[in-house]
Amino acid sequence: MNREYNAVTNEIKEQIKSSVEGKVYVGNEINEDFFHDEMPIYGEGIPDVVVRPKNTTDVANVVKICYQNNLPIVPRGAGTGLTGAGVAIKGGVMIDLKSMNQILEYDDDNFVVRVQPGVYLNDLAQDALSRGYMYPPDPGEKFATIGGNVSTNAGGMRAVKYGTTRNYVKEMEVVLPTGEITRFGANVAKTSTGYSLINLMIGSEGTLGIITELTLKLITAPKETVSLVIPYENLDDCISTVPKLFRSNLNPQAIEFMEREIVLTSERFIGKSTFPKELEGIEIGAYLLVTFDGENRDMLDDIVEKAAEVVIEAGAIDVLVADTPAKIKDAWAARSSFLEAIEAETELLDECDVVVPINKIAKYINFVNREGENYDFSVKSFGHAGDGNLHIYACSNSMEKEEFMRQVHEFMTVIYQKAYEMGGQISGEHGIGYGKKEYLKQFEGELNVNLMREIKKAFDPKFILNPNKII
C-alpha cells in the first residue's frame, strides 16, 4: 500500500531528542546495520532517526510525535529477521527496542516471567533454566529478541511438543500508533473476554502496535534429555517415520530433518564432523535429529528403546544416541549452524519457510528439489519434521543479482502454489514482512487480505506503523 509521508525535519529531530530519556541518533550517527536485516536481498532502507528508548514512556512520546507529523515508524529488535520486516523502507523513525532489555520479575506462584521486549531469547532461556524453569519456545536464532519472537510468532525446534511462542504469551503492554498505551491479555489460565486482541498482536510484525512489556508462561524444566541421530538412505524413508513416532505416543521434544548436502555444508562451517556419511556400506541421504525429555534416565531409556524399534522398522539404518550434555551439544551443533553455514558459502541467497502437513513433507521436498533443477541456482532444504515447517534456500555464487531475483520469484511462486495445493501456507515462523507480501496477496486471496487491511486500519488509521509490511 503506497502512501505519502512527511519528511523528518530538523525541528522534529530536536523535538524527538527532547522527548526521551534514551539515546537518539541521526544522520551519520546511524549504524549501517540498521539499513537491512539478515536477508538484505529484500532491499535497504535508511531511517532518518534511530531512537533507543529507556522505557515505555519514551516509546509513547516518540510515537505521538510521529502520529502528529505523519511520519513512518519502524519498531526493531535484534535485526535477525529474514523477510525485511525490521527495515525502514520508507525512512522515518526507527525505534530500537534492544535497549529495553531487562528481565523484570519472576512470579513463582503463577509460573510466569515479566520481561521487556529487547531481552535476548538466549538470556531469558538461560536465566529461567538457572531457576529450574524452561521457556519452551526455541527458534534457531538464540540472539533474537523476545519482542521479535512474539512479533513473528516464532516457533523453533521444540514447537512439536510445546507449541509456538503464541502459547506462552499471557499479557503484554503495547504502544498503539497514536501513542496511547494499553494492555492486552491477563495473567490468567483462560479467558473468553471479547476478541483476542493479544493474539492479533502476536505475529503482526510490528504493524499494529509496539510491544513494550511481556508476561510469559514458564514450565518446570525437564530433568533429563537425550537426542538421537537417525540416518536413512533416502528422504522418503526419513520423513515417513515421523507419523509413526507420533502414533507410538513417544512425545518427542523436537524432530528435525536434514538432507545430506546441508549437513556437509554445516560441518564445513563448524569444522567438525558429527553425522555419519556411510553405514553398513550404505550412503546416507537424509537424517532425523530427535530429542526426548523426561523426569529421569530410566524413563528416557525406555523411550529410546521404543523409538529405536519404530525407526529401524521404518527404514532407519541405525540409531546413534547422544545421552550426555557434550554429545547432545555436538549432535545439535551442525543443525544450529545451518543458516550461518549457508550464508558463509553463498553470495546471493533467498529463502522461504513454508509449512505443509507433516504427512506431505517428503512429497513436497521432492517436488521442490525437482523444480529447483529448472533454475541456475542450487536449492538447500531442512526443517522441522515434527510440525511441517520447512526452510528452503535458493543459493548462487555466479548469477547476476537481477537474474537471480527473477528466477527465484518464479521458483517461489511455483513452490508456494504447491504448498497451498497440499494444504499448507507461506510461512511457519519467519513472517511476511516486506519480501513476501505479494505472495500473501496471491495465495491467501483478496478477501482474506482485505480483512487484514481493515484490522490494520482499525489499529493504525494513518498507516504509519511499519508501512509496506504484510499488507
Protein backbone atom coordinates (compact mmCIF):
# COMPACT_ATOMS: atom_id res chain seq x y z
CA MET A 1 0.00 0.00 0.00
CA ASN A 2 1.73 3.19 -1.18
CA ARG A 3 1.17 6.26 0.98
CA GLU A 4 2.88 9.61 1.23
CA TYR A 5 4.63 10.59 4.45
CA ASN A 6 6.10 13.86 5.64
CA ALA A 7 9.82 14.49 5.92
CA VAL A 8 11.59 14.30 9.27
CA THR A 9 12.72 17.92 9.63
CA ASN A 10 15.50 19.14 11.91
CA GLU A 11 12.83 20.66 14.13
CA ILE A 12 11.15 17.26 14.53
CA LYS A 13 14.50 15.62 15.26
CA GLU A 14 15.11 18.08 18.07
CA GLN A 15 11.59 17.52 19.35
CA ILE A 16 12.22 13.76 19.48
CA LYS A 17 15.54 14.26 21.29
CA SER A 18 13.93 16.42 23.96
CA SER A 19 11.04 13.97 24.50
CA VAL A 20 13.01 10.88 25.55
CA GLU A 21 15.40 9.76 28.27
CA GLY A 22 17.08 7.31 25.93
CA LYS A 23 19.52 7.98 23.11
CA VAL A 24 18.69 9.43 19.70
CA TYR A 25 20.84 9.07 16.59
CA VAL A 26 20.59 11.00 13.32
CA GLY A 27 22.48 11.19 10.03
CA ASN A 28 25.99 9.73 10.12
CA GLU A 29 25.46 8.63 13.73
CA ILE A 30 23.20 5.81 12.48
CA ASN A 31 24.99 2.48 12.13
CA GLU A 32 24.65 0.83 8.72
CA ASP A 33 23.47 -2.37 10.43
CA PHE A 34 20.10 -0.65 10.78
CA PHE A 35 19.72 -0.39 6.99
CA HIS A 36 18.78 -4.06 6.49
CA ASP A 37 18.05 -7.31 8.31
CA GLU A 38 19.57 -10.79 7.84
CA MET A 39 18.15 -11.02 4.31
CA PRO A 40 19.45 -7.87 2.53
CA ILE A 41 18.20 -9.13 -0.83
CA TYR A 42 14.83 -7.62 0.11
CA GLY A 43 16.35 -4.17 -0.04
CA GLU A 44 17.62 -1.50 2.28
CA GLY A 45 16.06 1.49 3.96
CA ILE A 46 17.80 4.29 5.79
CA PRO A 47 15.98 5.67 8.83
CA ASP A 48 16.19 9.42 9.41
CA VAL A 49 16.25 8.90 13.17
CA VAL A 50 17.05 5.91 15.41
CA VAL A 51 15.74 6.06 18.97
CA ARG A 52 16.94 3.75 21.74
CA PRO A 53 14.21 4.20 24.36
CA LYS A 54 14.72 3.61 28.07
CA ASN A 55 11.09 2.88 28.87
CA THR A 56 7.52 2.74 27.61
CA THR A 57 7.06 6.48 28.10
CA ASP A 58 9.93 7.14 25.69
CA VAL A 59 8.29 4.93 23.07
CA ALA A 60 4.90 6.57 23.54
CA ASN A 61 6.37 10.09 23.30
CA VAL A 62 8.16 9.31 20.04
CA VAL A 63 5.10 7.63 18.54
CA LYS A 64 2.91 10.63 19.43
CA ILE A 65 5.29 12.95 17.60
CA CYS A 66 5.28 10.67 14.56
CA TYR A 67 1.49 10.40 14.60
CA GLN A 68 1.07 14.17 14.79
CA ASN A 69 3.51 14.72 11.91
CA ASN A 70 2.51 11.75 9.71
CA LEU A 71 5.93 10.07 9.93
CA PRO A 72 6.62 6.36 9.36
CA ILE A 73 7.76 4.38 12.42
CA VAL A 74 9.66 1.08 12.35
CA PRO A 75 9.98 -0.94 15.57
CA ARG A 76 13.05 -3.18 15.50
CA GLY A 77 14.54 -5.89 17.67
CA ALA A 78 17.90 -7.53 17.01
CA GLY A 79 17.59 -7.24 13.22
CA THR A 80 17.77 -11.02 12.76
CA GLY A 81 14.56 -11.24 10.71
CA LEU A 82 14.53 -12.86 7.28
CA THR A 83 11.72 -11.00 5.48
CA GLY A 84 12.63 -7.30 5.68
CA ALA A 85 10.05 -6.61 8.41
CA GLY A 86 12.51 -4.56 10.50
CA VAL A 87 13.75 -2.34 7.67
CA ALA A 88 12.87 1.36 7.25
CA ILE A 89 11.67 1.05 3.65
CA LYS A 90 10.02 4.49 3.88
CA GLY A 91 12.68 6.10 6.06
CA GLY A 92 11.26 7.88 9.09
CA VAL A 93 11.88 6.95 12.71
CA MET A 94 13.23 3.59 13.85
CA ILE A 95 12.69 2.54 17.47
CA ASP A 96 15.48 0.17 18.51
CA LEU A 97 13.97 -1.91 21.31
CA LYS A 98 17.19 -3.80 22.11
CA SER A 99 17.81 -1.05 24.66
CA MET A 100 14.79 -2.20 26.70
CA ASN A 101 16.37 -5.49 27.76
CA GLN A 102 15.54 -6.17 31.39
CA ILE A 103 14.12 -9.36 32.89
CA LEU A 104 11.81 -7.58 35.31
CA GLU A 105 10.24 -10.17 37.60
CA TYR A 106 9.54 -13.86 38.14
CA ASP A 107 6.17 -14.84 39.60
CA ASP A 108 6.88 -18.27 41.12
CA ASP A 109 3.27 -18.84 42.16
CA ASN A 110 1.86 -18.31 38.69
CA PHE A 111 4.82 -19.69 36.69
CA VAL A 112 5.35 -16.53 34.63
CA VAL A 113 8.14 -14.05 33.99
CA ARG A 114 7.76 -10.37 33.09
CA VAL A 115 10.29 -9.01 30.57
CA GLN A 116 11.00 -6.04 28.34
CA PRO A 117 10.90 -6.74 24.59
CA GLY A 118 14.65 -6.34 23.98
CA VAL A 119 15.68 -9.33 26.12
CA TYR A 120 17.54 -11.89 24.02
CA LEU A 121 15.96 -15.35 23.77
CA ASN A 122 19.26 -16.90 24.88
CA ASP A 123 19.42 -14.73 28.01
CA LEU A 124 15.87 -15.50 29.06
CA ALA A 125 16.29 -19.24 28.39
CA GLN A 126 19.49 -19.43 30.45
CA ASP A 127 18.18 -17.28 33.28
CA ALA A 128 14.96 -19.29 33.51
CA LEU A 129 16.93 -22.56 33.49
CA SER A 130 19.09 -21.36 36.38
CA ARG A 131 15.87 -21.07 38.41
CA GLY A 132 14.57 -24.51 37.44
CA TYR A 133 12.22 -23.24 34.70
CA MET A 134 12.06 -23.75 30.96
CA TYR A 135 10.90 -21.12 28.50
CA PRO A 136 9.91 -23.61 25.78
CA PRO A 137 9.97 -21.58 22.52
CA ASP A 138 13.28 -22.39 20.84
CA PRO A 139 13.80 -20.58 17.49
CA GLY A 140 17.13 -21.24 15.82
CA GLU A 141 18.42 -17.67 16.28
CA LYS A 142 19.16 -17.55 20.00
CA PHE A 143 20.13 -13.87 19.92
CA ALA A 144 16.86 -12.63 18.51
CA THR A 145 14.83 -10.55 20.94
CA ILE A 146 11.76 -11.88 22.72
CA GLY A 147 9.75 -8.98 21.29
CA GLY A 148 10.83 -10.01 17.80
CA ASN A 149 9.91 -13.64 18.51
CA VAL A 150 6.44 -12.58 19.63
CA SER A 151 6.05 -10.26 16.63
CA THR A 152 6.59 -13.16 14.23
CA ASN A 153 5.12 -15.92 16.42
CA ALA A 154 8.45 -17.72 16.11
CA GLY A 155 8.21 -21.46 16.60
CA GLY A 156 11.54 -23.23 16.57
CA MET A 157 12.56 -26.77 17.23
CA ARG A 158 10.57 -27.56 20.37
CA ALA A 159 7.25 -26.48 18.84
CA VAL A 160 6.36 -30.10 18.10
CA LYS A 161 5.91 -30.81 21.84
CA TYR A 162 5.46 -27.40 23.45
CA GLY A 163 3.90 -25.20 20.78
CA THR A 164 4.97 -21.84 19.37
CA THR A 165 5.65 -18.50 21.06
CA ARG A 166 1.93 -17.70 20.92
CA ASN A 167 1.24 -20.40 23.50
CA TYR A 168 3.44 -18.66 26.08
CA VAL A 169 2.32 -15.02 25.88
CA LYS A 170 -0.09 -14.26 28.72
CA GLU A 171 -0.12 -10.47 28.75
CA MET A 172 1.54 -7.54 27.01
CA GLU A 173 1.87 -3.79 27.23
CA VAL A 174 1.53 -2.06 23.86
CA VAL A 175 2.02 1.43 22.49
CA LEU A 176 -0.55 1.99 19.76
CA PRO A 177 0.24 4.01 16.59
CA THR A 178 -1.49 7.02 18.20
CA GLY A 179 0.93 6.95 21.14
CA GLU A 180 -1.67 5.60 23.56
CA ILE A 181 -0.54 2.89 25.98
CA THR A 182 -2.72 -0.16 26.62
CA ARG A 183 -2.53 -3.78 27.81
CA PHE A 184 -3.78 -6.92 26.12
CA GLY A 185 -4.35 -10.29 27.79
CA ALA A 186 -4.03 -11.10 31.50
CA ASN A 187 -2.08 -13.37 33.82
CA VAL A 188 -4.89 -15.91 33.97
CA ALA A 189 -5.30 -19.50 32.84
CA LYS A 190 -8.20 -18.90 30.47
CA THR A 191 -10.35 -16.09 29.13
CA SER A 192 -13.34 -15.52 26.86
CA THR A 193 -13.34 -11.75 27.16
CA GLY A 194 -14.22 -10.38 23.73
CA TYR A 195 -11.98 -10.52 20.69
CA SER A 196 -8.47 -11.77 21.42
CA LEU A 197 -6.51 -8.56 20.84
CA ILE A 198 -3.36 -10.13 22.23
CA ASN A 199 -3.49 -12.79 19.51
CA LEU A 200 -3.84 -10.12 16.84
CA MET A 201 -0.63 -8.54 18.13
CA ILE A 202 1.27 -11.84 18.19
CA GLY A 203 2.61 -12.39 14.68
CA SER A 204 1.68 -8.89 13.47
CA GLU A 205 5.34 -7.99 12.79
CA GLY A 206 5.19 -4.54 14.35
CA THR A 207 2.38 -3.31 12.09
CA LEU A 208 -0.38 -2.91 14.72
CA GLY A 209 1.44 -1.71 17.83
CA ILE A 210 4.81 -1.64 19.59
CA ILE A 211 5.25 -4.20 22.36
CA THR A 212 6.97 -2.67 25.40
CA GLU A 213 6.47 -5.39 28.02
CA LEU A 214 5.57 -9.09 28.05
CA THR A 215 4.34 -11.57 30.65
CA LEU A 216 5.38 -15.06 29.55
CA LYS A 217 4.42 -18.52 30.72
CA LEU A 218 7.13 -20.85 32.05
CA ILE A 219 7.16 -24.59 32.78
CA THR A 220 9.25 -26.71 35.11
CA ALA A 221 12.46 -27.66 33.31
CA PRO A 222 12.70 -31.38 32.45
CA LYS A 223 15.44 -33.09 34.41
CA GLU A 224 16.84 -35.24 31.60
CA THR A 225 17.17 -35.02 27.82
CA VAL A 226 18.51 -37.34 25.15
CA SER A 227 18.97 -36.87 21.40
CA LEU A 228 19.01 -39.44 18.61
CA VAL A 229 20.80 -39.06 15.28
CA ILE A 230 18.94 -41.35 12.90
CA PRO A 231 20.42 -41.86 9.40
CA TYR A 232 18.43 -43.04 6.36
CA GLU A 233 19.31 -43.96 2.83
CA ASN A 234 16.72 -41.58 1.38
CA LEU A 235 14.40 -38.72 2.30
CA ASP A 236 11.15 -40.65 1.79
CA ASP A 237 12.01 -43.25 4.43
CA CYS A 238 13.26 -40.49 6.72
CA ILE A 239 10.11 -38.37 6.65
CA SER A 240 7.68 -41.31 6.63
CA THR A 241 8.99 -42.19 10.10
CA VAL A 242 7.58 -39.05 11.72
CA PRO A 243 3.87 -40.01 11.90
CA LYS A 244 4.91 -43.41 13.23
CA LEU A 245 6.78 -41.75 16.10
CA PHE A 246 3.65 -39.78 16.95
CA ARG A 247 1.41 -42.84 16.76
CA SER A 248 3.75 -44.62 19.17
CA ASN A 249 2.92 -41.99 21.82
CA LEU A 250 6.60 -41.16 22.41
CA ASN A 251 6.01 -37.37 22.65
CA PRO A 252 9.33 -36.07 21.25
CA GLN A 253 10.51 -32.60 22.21
CA ALA A 254 11.93 -31.92 18.74
CA ILE A 255 12.11 -33.70 15.38
CA GLU A 256 14.34 -32.13 12.72
CA PHE A 257 15.06 -33.46 9.24
CA MET A 258 18.01 -32.65 7.06
CA GLU A 259 19.38 -33.85 3.76
CA ARG A 260 22.99 -34.90 3.25
CA GLU A 261 24.07 -31.77 1.35
CA ILE A 262 23.03 -29.31 4.07
CA VAL A 263 24.81 -31.40 6.72
CA LEU A 264 28.03 -31.31 4.69
CA THR A 265 27.70 -27.53 4.32
CA SER A 266 27.23 -27.08 8.05
CA GLU A 267 30.07 -29.39 9.04
CA ARG A 268 32.44 -27.47 6.76
CA PHE A 269 31.38 -24.31 8.57
CA ILE A 270 31.85 -25.61 12.12
CA GLY A 271 34.95 -27.61 11.24
CA LYS A 272 33.71 -30.80 12.82
CA SER A 273 32.05 -33.97 11.50
CA THR A 274 29.16 -35.14 13.65
CA PHE A 275 26.84 -37.11 11.36
CA PRO A 276 27.81 -40.43 9.72
CA LYS A 277 28.00 -40.33 5.93
CA GLU A 278 28.03 -44.10 5.32
CA LEU A 279 26.95 -47.07 7.42
CA GLU A 280 26.97 -50.77 6.60
CA GLY A 281 28.09 -49.90 3.08
CA ILE A 282 25.05 -47.66 2.55
CA GLU A 283 25.47 -43.97 1.66
CA ILE A 284 23.37 -41.78 3.94
CA GLY A 285 20.93 -39.48 2.12
CA ALA A 286 18.92 -37.93 4.98
CA TYR A 287 18.74 -37.74 8.76
CA LEU A 288 16.31 -37.24 11.59
CA LEU A 289 17.55 -35.50 14.73
CA VAL A 290 15.13 -36.29 17.55
CA THR A 291 15.18 -35.11 21.17
CA PHE A 292 13.17 -36.51 24.07
CA ASP A 293 12.94 -35.10 27.57
CA GLY A 294 11.64 -36.52 30.85
CA GLU A 295 11.89 -36.73 34.60
CA ASN A 296 14.52 -39.45 34.92
CA ARG A 297 17.01 -41.55 32.99
CA ASP A 298 15.06 -44.80 33.29
CA MET A 299 12.05 -43.15 31.68
CA LEU A 300 14.18 -41.89 28.78
CA ASP A 301 15.91 -45.24 28.34
CA ASP A 302 12.50 -46.85 27.81
CA ILE A 303 11.53 -44.16 25.30
CA VAL A 304 14.80 -44.51 23.38
CA GLU A 305 14.36 -48.29 23.17
CA LYS A 306 10.82 -47.93 21.81
CA ALA A 307 11.84 -45.17 19.42
CA ALA A 308 14.71 -47.29 18.08
CA GLU A 309 12.30 -50.13 17.32
CA VAL A 310 9.96 -47.75 15.46
CA VAL A 311 12.61 -46.07 13.32
CA ILE A 312 14.52 -49.23 12.42
CA GLU A 313 11.28 -50.86 11.31
CA ALA A 314 10.56 -47.71 9.26
CA GLY A 315 13.83 -47.96 7.36
CA ALA A 316 16.48 -46.27 9.52
CA ILE A 317 19.98 -47.66 9.02
CA ASP A 318 20.98 -47.16 12.66
CA VAL A 319 20.24 -45.12 15.78
CA LEU A 320 23.03 -43.07 17.36
CA VAL A 321 22.31 -41.99 20.94
CA ALA A 322 23.59 -38.72 22.42
CA ASP A 323 22.94 -39.02 26.14
CA THR A 324 25.43 -36.62 27.75
CA PRO A 325 25.45 -32.79 27.58
CA ALA A 326 28.59 -32.84 25.41
CA LYS A 327 27.18 -35.39 22.97
CA ILE A 328 23.85 -33.57 22.77
CA LYS A 329 25.67 -30.29 22.10
CA ASP A 330 27.69 -31.92 19.31
CA ALA A 331 24.59 -33.52 17.80
CA TRP A 332 22.82 -30.15 17.59
CA ALA A 333 25.86 -28.07 16.61
CA ALA A 334 25.54 -28.80 12.91
CA ARG A 335 21.76 -28.23 12.92
CA SER A 336 22.07 -24.93 14.77
CA SER A 337 24.60 -23.64 12.24
CA PHE A 338 22.65 -24.35 9.05
CA LEU A 339 21.75 -20.75 8.18
CA GLU A 340 25.17 -19.36 9.12
CA ALA A 341 26.83 -22.08 7.09
CA ILE A 342 24.73 -21.32 4.02
CA GLU A 343 25.41 -17.59 4.38
CA ALA A 344 29.15 -18.21 4.69
CA GLU A 345 29.27 -20.07 1.36
CA THR A 346 26.71 -18.03 -0.59
CA GLU A 347 26.82 -14.61 -2.24
CA LEU A 348 23.16 -14.46 -3.31
CA LEU A 349 20.56 -16.01 -1.03
CA ASP A 350 16.79 -16.11 -0.69
CA GLU A 351 14.61 -18.33 1.47
CA CYS A 352 11.14 -19.40 2.37
CA ASP A 353 9.79 -21.08 5.50
CA VAL A 354 6.73 -22.69 4.02
CA VAL A 355 4.59 -25.01 6.16
CA VAL A 356 2.76 -28.14 4.98
CA PRO A 357 1.02 -31.07 6.73
CA ILE A 358 3.62 -33.45 8.16
CA ASN A 359 2.47 -36.36 6.01
CA LYS A 360 3.18 -34.25 2.91
CA ILE A 361 6.75 -33.21 3.78
CA ALA A 362 8.60 -35.82 1.70
CA LYS A 363 6.34 -35.35 -1.31
CA TYR A 364 6.72 -31.59 -1.06
CA ILE A 365 10.52 -31.58 -0.67
CA ASN A 366 10.89 -33.99 -3.58
CA PHE A 367 8.77 -31.61 -5.67
CA VAL A 368 10.91 -28.65 -4.58
CA ASN A 369 14.14 -30.48 -5.47
CA ARG A 370 12.82 -31.45 -8.91
CA GLU A 371 11.59 -27.90 -9.55
CA GLY A 372 14.94 -26.49 -8.45
CA GLU A 373 16.65 -28.36 -11.29
CA ASN A 374 14.98 -25.94 -13.73
CA TYR A 375 16.97 -22.95 -12.45
CA ASP A 376 20.55 -21.74 -12.33
CA PHE A 377 20.76 -21.59 -8.54
CA SER A 378 21.06 -24.50 -6.11
CA VAL A 379 18.42 -25.45 -3.53
CA LYS A 380 19.15 -26.48 0.06
CA SER A 381 16.42 -27.64 2.44
CA PHE A 382 15.97 -28.58 6.07
CA GLY A 383 13.27 -28.10 8.63
CA HIS A 384 11.04 -29.13 11.47
CA ALA A 385 9.78 -32.58 10.58
CA GLY A 386 7.52 -32.61 13.63
CA ASP A 387 5.41 -29.65 12.55
CA GLY A 388 5.89 -29.41 8.76
CA ASN A 389 7.75 -26.07 8.80
CA LEU A 390 10.36 -26.29 6.02
CA HIS A 391 13.28 -23.95 5.36
CA ILE A 392 14.14 -23.82 1.67
CA TYR A 393 17.06 -21.75 0.40
CA ALA A 394 17.92 -20.65 -3.13
CA CYS A 395 21.71 -20.14 -3.33
CA SER A 396 24.05 -18.79 -6.01
CA ASN A 397 27.64 -17.58 -6.30
CA SER A 398 27.67 -17.00 -10.05
CA MET A 399 24.42 -15.31 -11.11
CA GLU A 400 23.76 -11.62 -11.64
CA LYS A 401 21.51 -10.32 -8.88
CA GLU A 402 18.69 -9.19 -11.20
CA GLU A 403 18.54 -12.57 -12.94
CA PHE A 404 18.80 -14.41 -9.63
CA MET A 405 15.83 -12.47 -8.24
CA ARG A 406 13.80 -13.05 -11.40
CA GLN A 407 14.38 -16.80 -11.31
CA VAL A 408 13.81 -17.01 -7.55
CA HIS A 409 10.49 -15.20 -7.84
CA GLU A 410 9.36 -17.72 -10.47
CA PHE A 411 10.60 -20.62 -8.30
CA MET A 412 8.93 -19.29 -5.13
CA THR A 413 5.64 -18.76 -6.93
CA VAL A 414 5.63 -22.38 -8.08
CA ILE A 415 6.57 -23.89 -4.72
CA TYR A 416 4.12 -21.70 -2.76
CA GLN A 417 1.38 -22.78 -5.15
CA LYS A 418 2.25 -26.42 -4.48
CA ALA A 419 2.25 -25.79 -0.72
CA TYR A 420 -1.29 -24.41 -0.87
CA GLU A 421 -2.40 -27.33 -3.03
CA MET A 422 -1.15 -29.60 -0.24
CA GLY A 423 -2.99 -27.69 2.48
CA GLY A 424 -0.07 -25.51 3.60
CA GLN A 425 0.72 -21.81 3.87
CA ILE A 426 3.51 -19.35 3.08
CA SER A 427 5.17 -19.02 6.48
CA GLY A 428 5.50 -21.14 9.60
CA GLU A 429 7.54 -18.70 11.70
CA HIS A 430 9.53 -16.08 9.76
CA GLY A 431 6.53 -13.99 8.78
CA ILE A 432 5.62 -11.99 5.68
CA GLY A 433 7.39 -8.68 6.20
CA TYR A 434 8.35 -6.78 3.07
CA GLY A 435 9.73 -9.64 1.00
CA LYS A 436 6.72 -11.98 0.98
CA LYS A 437 3.72 -9.65 0.89
CA GLU A 438 2.98 -10.16 -2.82
CA TYR A 439 2.83 -13.90 -2.25
CA LEU A 440 0.44 -13.36 0.66
CA LYS A 441 -1.92 -11.43 -1.57
CA GLN A 442 -1.67 -14.01 -4.33
CA PHE A 443 -2.21 -17.14 -2.26
CA GLU A 444 -4.31 -16.01 0.71
CA GLY A 445 -6.70 -14.22 -1.63
CA GLU A 446 -8.19 -10.75 -1.83
CA LEU A 447 -10.93 -11.43 0.72
CA ASN A 448 -8.57 -12.50 3.49
CA VAL A 449 -6.05 -9.77 2.73
CA ASN A 450 -8.80 -7.14 2.80
CA LEU A 451 -9.83 -8.38 6.26
CA MET A 452 -6.20 -7.95 7.37
CA ARG A 453 -6.15 -4.47 5.83
CA GLU A 454 -9.25 -3.46 7.78
CA ILE A 455 -7.66 -4.72 11.01
CA LYS A 456 -4.57 -2.67 10.19
CA LYS A 457 -6.73 0.39 9.58
CA ALA A 458 -8.53 -0.03 12.91
CA PHE A 459 -5.24 -0.05 14.82
CA ASP A 460 -3.31 2.36 12.60
CA PRO A 461 -5.63 4.75 10.71
CA LYS A 462 -2.72 6.73 9.23
CA PHE A 463 -0.76 3.59 8.22
CA ILE A 464 2.41 5.00 9.80
CA LEU A 465 3.48 1.92 11.78
CA ASN A 466 5.93 -0.30 9.87
CA PRO A 467 4.48 0.69 6.49
CA ASN A 468 4.73 -1.54 3.42
CA LYS A 469 4.93 -4.70 5.53
CA ILE A 470 2.47 -7.64 5.25
CA ILE A 471 -0.26 -5.51 3.62
